[in-house]
Protein backbone atom coordinates (compact mmCIF):
# COMPACT_ATOMS: atom_id res chain seq x y z
CA MET A 1 0.00 0.00 0.00
CA ILE A 2 1.05 3.63 -0.54
CA ARG A 3 1.19 5.48 2.75
CA ARG A 4 3.16 8.08 4.70
CA VAL A 5 6.27 6.98 6.59
CA ILE A 6 9.42 8.77 7.68
CA GLN A 7 12.68 8.87 5.78
CA ILE A 8 16.08 9.65 7.29
CA ASP A 9 18.81 11.57 5.47
CA THR A 10 21.95 9.74 6.59
CA GLU A 11 24.13 12.57 5.31
CA LYS A 12 22.53 15.00 7.78
CA CYS A 13 22.12 12.52 10.65
CA ASN A 14 24.69 12.92 13.45
CA GLY A 15 23.68 9.77 15.32
CA CYS A 16 22.54 11.59 18.46
CA GLY A 17 19.69 9.11 19.01
CA LEU A 18 17.08 11.70 20.03
CA CYS A 19 14.71 10.46 17.33
CA ALA A 20 14.97 6.87 18.61
CA THR A 21 14.03 8.08 22.08
CA ALA A 22 11.12 10.14 20.75
CA CYS A 23 9.68 7.24 18.70
CA HIS A 24 7.07 5.58 20.92
CA GLU A 25 6.89 2.55 18.64
CA GLY A 26 10.61 1.75 18.70
CA ALA A 27 10.75 1.98 14.91
CA ILE A 28 14.09 3.81 14.89
CA ALA A 29 17.46 2.49 16.03
CA ILE A 30 21.04 3.72 15.75
CA VAL A 31 22.95 1.45 13.37
CA ASP A 32 26.61 2.12 12.58
CA GLY A 33 26.31 5.58 14.07
CA LYS A 34 23.24 6.61 12.04
CA ALA A 35 19.51 6.57 12.72
CA LYS A 36 17.64 3.92 10.75
CA LEU A 37 13.97 3.01 10.29
CA MET A 38 14.06 -0.65 11.26
CA ARG A 39 10.68 -1.74 9.87
CA ASP A 40 7.97 0.05 7.93
CA ASP A 41 5.17 -1.62 9.90
CA TYR A 42 6.55 -0.12 13.13
CA CYS A 43 6.13 3.45 11.79
CA ASP A 44 2.70 4.99 12.41
CA GLY A 45 3.48 7.97 10.15
CA LEU A 46 2.61 10.59 12.79
CA GLY A 47 6.16 11.92 12.96
CA ASP A 48 6.78 12.32 16.71
CA CYS A 49 10.47 11.95 15.83
CA LEU A 50 10.60 14.97 13.48
CA PRO A 51 10.72 17.78 16.07
CA SER A 52 13.36 15.93 18.11
CA CYS A 53 15.97 15.89 15.33
CA PRO A 54 18.45 18.77 15.75
CA MET A 55 19.81 18.22 12.23
CA GLN A 56 16.44 18.22 10.39
CA ALA A 57 17.42 14.87 8.91
CA ILE A 58 13.91 13.35 9.13
CA SER A 59 11.02 14.05 6.79
CA PHE A 60 7.83 12.41 5.55
CA VAL A 61 7.60 10.46 2.30
CA GLU A 62 4.67 8.79 0.54
CA ARG A 63 5.77 5.39 -0.74
CA GLU A 64 4.96 1.70 -0.90
CA ALA A 65 5.15 0.45 2.68
CA ALA A 66 3.65 -2.23 4.89
CA ALA A 67 0.64 -1.11 6.93
CA TYR A 68 1.24 0.01 10.49
CA ASP A 69 0.96 -3.11 12.69
CA GLU A 70 0.00 -2.21 16.25
CA GLU A 71 0.29 -5.82 17.44
CA ALA A 72 3.79 -6.19 15.98
CA VAL A 73 4.81 -2.95 17.70
CA ARG A 74 3.45 -4.21 21.03
CA LYS A 75 5.45 -7.44 20.78
CA HIS A 76 8.54 -5.52 19.69
CA LEU A 77 8.34 -3.17 22.67
CA GLU A 78 7.76 -6.05 25.10
CA LYS A 79 10.81 -7.89 23.73
CA ARG A 80 12.96 -4.78 23.98
CA ALA A 81 11.85 -4.16 27.56
CA LYS A 82 12.79 -7.73 28.55
CA GLU A 83 16.19 -7.38 26.90
CA GLN A 84 16.84 -4.18 28.82
CA GLN A 85 15.83 -5.83 32.10
CA THR A 86 18.20 -8.72 31.41
CA ALA A 87 21.04 -6.38 30.63
CA GLY A 88 20.45 -4.50 33.87
CA CYS A 89 21.11 -0.89 34.66
CA PRO A 90 24.53 0.25 33.33
CA GLY A 91 24.91 2.34 36.47
CA SER A 92 24.94 -0.77 38.67
CA GLN A 93 27.53 -2.74 36.72
CA ALA A 94 30.74 -3.43 38.62
CA LYS A 95 33.88 -1.92 37.18
CA ALA A 96 37.35 -0.96 38.24
CA ILE A 97 38.07 2.72 38.54
CA LYS A 98 41.52 3.67 37.33
CA ARG A 99 43.12 6.46 39.30
CA PRO A 100 45.84 8.64 37.74
CA GLN A 101 49.27 8.25 39.18
CA GLY A 102 50.61 11.09 41.28
CA GLY A 103 48.84 13.94 43.01
CA CYS A 104 45.21 14.74 43.55
CA PRO A 105 43.18 14.21 40.37
CA GLY A 106 41.05 17.20 41.19
CA SER A 107 44.00 19.56 41.09
CA ARG A 108 45.41 18.46 37.77
CA PRO A 109 45.01 20.98 34.94
CA ARG A 110 42.78 19.81 32.11
CA ALA A 111 40.77 21.19 29.22
CA ILE A 112 37.02 21.21 29.70
CA GLU A 113 35.27 19.62 26.73
CA ARG A 114 31.94 21.15 25.87
CA PRO A 115 29.33 18.83 24.34
CA GLN A 116 28.75 19.30 20.63
CA GLY A 117 25.27 19.55 19.16
CA GLY A 118 22.27 20.06 21.42
CA CYS A 119 19.31 22.14 20.36
CA PRO A 120 20.48 24.94 18.02
CA GLY A 121 17.41 26.94 18.98
CA SER A 122 18.60 27.36 22.58
CA GLN A 123 22.22 28.21 21.81
CA ALA A 124 23.13 31.77 22.79
CA LYS A 125 24.62 34.03 20.16
CA MET A 126 25.05 37.73 19.49
CA ILE A 127 23.40 39.25 16.40
CA LYS A 128 25.34 42.22 15.08
CA ARG A 129 23.28 45.13 13.79
CA SER A 130 24.54 48.12 11.83
CA PRO A 131 23.97 51.36 13.79
CA GLU A 132 23.55 53.20 10.48
CA ALA A 133 20.80 50.80 9.39
CA SER A 134 18.93 51.24 12.69
CA VAL A 135 19.07 55.04 12.41
CA SER A 136 17.91 54.88 8.79
CA ALA A 137 14.97 52.66 9.71
CA ALA A 138 13.98 54.96 12.57
CA GLN A 139 14.05 58.01 10.29
CA HIS A 140 12.02 56.20 7.64
CA ASN A 141 9.24 55.23 10.05
CA THR A 142 8.13 58.70 11.09
CA THR A 143 4.59 57.65 12.11
CA ASN A 144 3.48 55.32 14.87
CA VAL A 145 3.13 51.68 13.82
CA ILE A 146 -0.45 50.39 14.02
CA SER A 147 -1.16 46.83 15.15
CA GLU A 148 -2.69 44.57 12.49
CA LEU A 149 -3.99 42.00 15.00
CA ARG A 150 -7.65 41.23 14.27
CA GLN A 151 -8.68 38.97 17.18
CA TRP A 152 -7.90 37.83 20.71
CA PRO A 153 -6.65 35.44 22.10
CA VAL A 154 -3.77 34.38 19.88
CA GLN A 155 -2.14 31.43 21.69
CA ILE A 156 -3.17 28.14 20.04
CA LYS A 157 -3.97 26.51 23.38
CA LEU A 158 -6.34 29.40 24.24
CA MET A 159 -8.01 29.77 20.84
CA PRO A 160 -11.66 28.67 20.49
CA VAL A 161 -12.30 25.91 17.97
CA LYS A 162 -15.32 27.72 16.53
CA ALA A 163 -15.60 31.50 16.20
CA PRO A 164 -17.20 33.95 13.72
CA TYR A 165 -13.88 35.55 12.82
CA TYR A 166 -12.62 32.27 11.29
CA ASP A 167 -15.24 32.26 8.52
CA GLY A 168 -13.70 33.20 5.18
CA ALA A 169 -10.40 34.00 6.89
CA ASP A 170 -6.80 33.49 5.88
CA LEU A 171 -5.19 31.75 8.88
CA LEU A 172 -1.67 32.60 10.05
CA ILE A 173 0.00 29.91 12.17
CA ALA A 174 3.17 31.46 13.59
CA ALA A 175 5.88 30.41 15.98
CA ASP A 176 6.12 32.70 19.02
CA CYS A 177 9.63 33.93 18.21
CA THR A 178 8.93 34.97 14.63
CA ALA A 179 7.30 38.28 15.56
CA TYR A 180 10.37 39.22 17.62
CA ALA A 181 12.90 38.15 15.00
CA TYR A 182 11.23 39.68 11.93
CA ALA A 183 10.86 43.45 12.26
CA ASN A 184 7.94 44.03 9.88
CA PHE A 185 5.86 41.08 11.06
CA HIS A 186 2.54 42.89 11.43
CA ASP A 187 2.55 44.42 7.95
CA ASP A 188 3.99 41.43 6.10
CA PHE A 189 2.24 38.55 7.88
CA ILE A 190 -0.52 39.50 10.34
CA ARG A 191 -2.34 42.04 8.15
CA ASP A 192 -5.78 40.76 6.96
CA LYS A 193 -5.27 37.39 8.68
CA ILE A 194 -6.49 35.59 11.77
CA THR A 195 -3.38 34.84 13.83
CA VAL A 196 -2.61 31.87 16.06
CA ILE A 197 0.78 31.39 17.70
CA GLY A 198 2.57 28.73 19.69
CA CYS A 199 5.90 27.19 20.66
CA PRO A 200 6.15 23.39 20.37
CA LYS A 201 9.28 23.39 22.54
CA LEU A 202 7.63 25.10 25.51
CA ASP A 203 3.95 24.08 25.23
CA ASP A 204 3.36 20.50 26.36
CA ILE A 205 0.35 19.92 24.08
CA ASP A 206 -0.37 18.44 20.66
CA TYR A 207 -1.28 21.42 18.45
CA SER A 208 -2.47 19.21 15.60
CA GLU A 209 -5.72 18.20 17.32
CA LYS A 210 -7.00 21.76 17.87
CA LEU A 211 -5.73 22.98 14.51
CA THR A 212 -7.52 20.10 12.81
CA GLU A 213 -10.82 21.07 14.42
CA ILE A 214 -10.34 24.77 13.59
CA LEU A 215 -9.82 23.88 9.93
CA ARG A 216 -12.63 21.32 9.91
CA GLN A 217 -15.31 23.40 11.62
CA ASN A 218 -14.67 26.75 9.94
CA ASP A 219 -14.46 28.16 6.42
CA ILE A 220 -10.70 28.82 6.31
CA LYS A 221 -9.58 30.08 2.88
CA SER A 222 -5.82 29.55 3.26
CA VAL A 223 -3.09 28.75 5.78
CA HIS A 224 0.27 30.49 6.08
CA ILE A 225 2.79 28.90 8.46
CA VAL A 226 5.66 31.08 9.67
CA ARG A 227 8.38 29.31 11.64
CA MET A 228 11.92 29.99 12.79
CA GLU A 229 14.88 28.22 11.19
CA VAL A 230 15.73 26.33 14.41
CA PRO A 231 14.92 22.58 14.36
CA CYS A 232 12.59 22.64 17.36
CA CYS A 233 10.25 24.89 15.37
CA GLY A 234 9.65 21.96 13.03
CA GLY A 235 7.06 20.70 15.52
CA LEU A 236 4.76 23.58 14.65
CA LEU A 237 5.07 22.91 10.92
CA ASN A 238 4.47 19.20 11.50
CA ALA A 239 1.33 19.89 13.56
CA ALA A 240 -0.02 22.18 10.84
CA LYS A 241 0.65 19.55 8.16
CA VAL A 242 -1.15 16.88 10.19
CA ALA A 243 -4.11 19.23 10.65
CA LEU A 244 -4.25 20.02 6.93
CA GLN A 245 -4.21 16.31 6.12
CA ASN A 246 -6.83 15.34 8.70
CA CYS A 247 -9.34 18.18 8.33
CA GLY A 248 -10.98 16.62 5.28
CA LYS A 249 -10.56 19.72 3.12
CA MET A 250 -8.23 20.90 0.38
CA ILE A 251 -6.88 24.17 1.80
CA PRO A 252 -4.00 25.99 0.07
CA TRP A 253 -1.04 26.56 2.34
CA GLN A 254 2.48 27.94 2.33
CA VAL A 255 5.48 28.10 4.67
CA THR A 256 7.87 30.96 5.44
CA VAL A 257 11.08 30.36 7.41
CA VAL A 258 12.59 33.23 9.41
CA GLY A 259 16.28 33.20 10.32
CA THR A 260 17.47 33.96 13.84
CA ASP A 261 18.97 37.18 12.44
CA GLY A 262 15.54 38.30 11.22
CA THR A 263 15.95 37.55 7.53
CA ILE A 264 13.51 35.52 5.41
CA LEU A 265 15.22 32.28 4.40
CA GLN A 266 12.46 30.77 2.27
């Protein structure tokens, strides 16, 4: 059958294993230092692994694949749990501790190795701005900026599923940080749209369920998704895609990616 499953770009994969941990079905394993989809029938096609990948190496693909087998997944997870119990906790395994010869180990000079990778979206960095450009922009905008927001609330988890302002509306689904990163956000994105925002990294909810109902129960003309370039923002895009697929309608949609320096990347 033709259905949606994940595919892993081994060139981008760094073997961190976060996707394997995020996959509730145990469909992904690290093989020879790279993530690998072990069996098609273990993959439910929902993509819980996508937001966890810091390298954006995982995507969806429609291809010939065995149907998702819930019973096979159950047996697989039971077998893996038994194997882990047999192996025991690595922290309780007996081992000899080798002490360095001479002097107190704590006083020996050494370089501190910082871990590589992690979530790029939480890494601190300075963004350099040109003072001349800031002055020019301030001089250009001689009038007060007017908000283009057309409704309240805006947080996805607070939005009603059914409301009059949805009917015939163009829906903007934006990541929280985009309005701070992109200077002209109101004029370029919010104007003439109904706006919903969220952060999949900080909100412990599944956006796709509410977004699906908003699209299903209202006359939404189009959807525009605006996300940041950081990998964790992929969760918002994934939720929107799931909603668009499950709402039962053909709704035109587009995606804009904003860089952490405020530029439009695509």
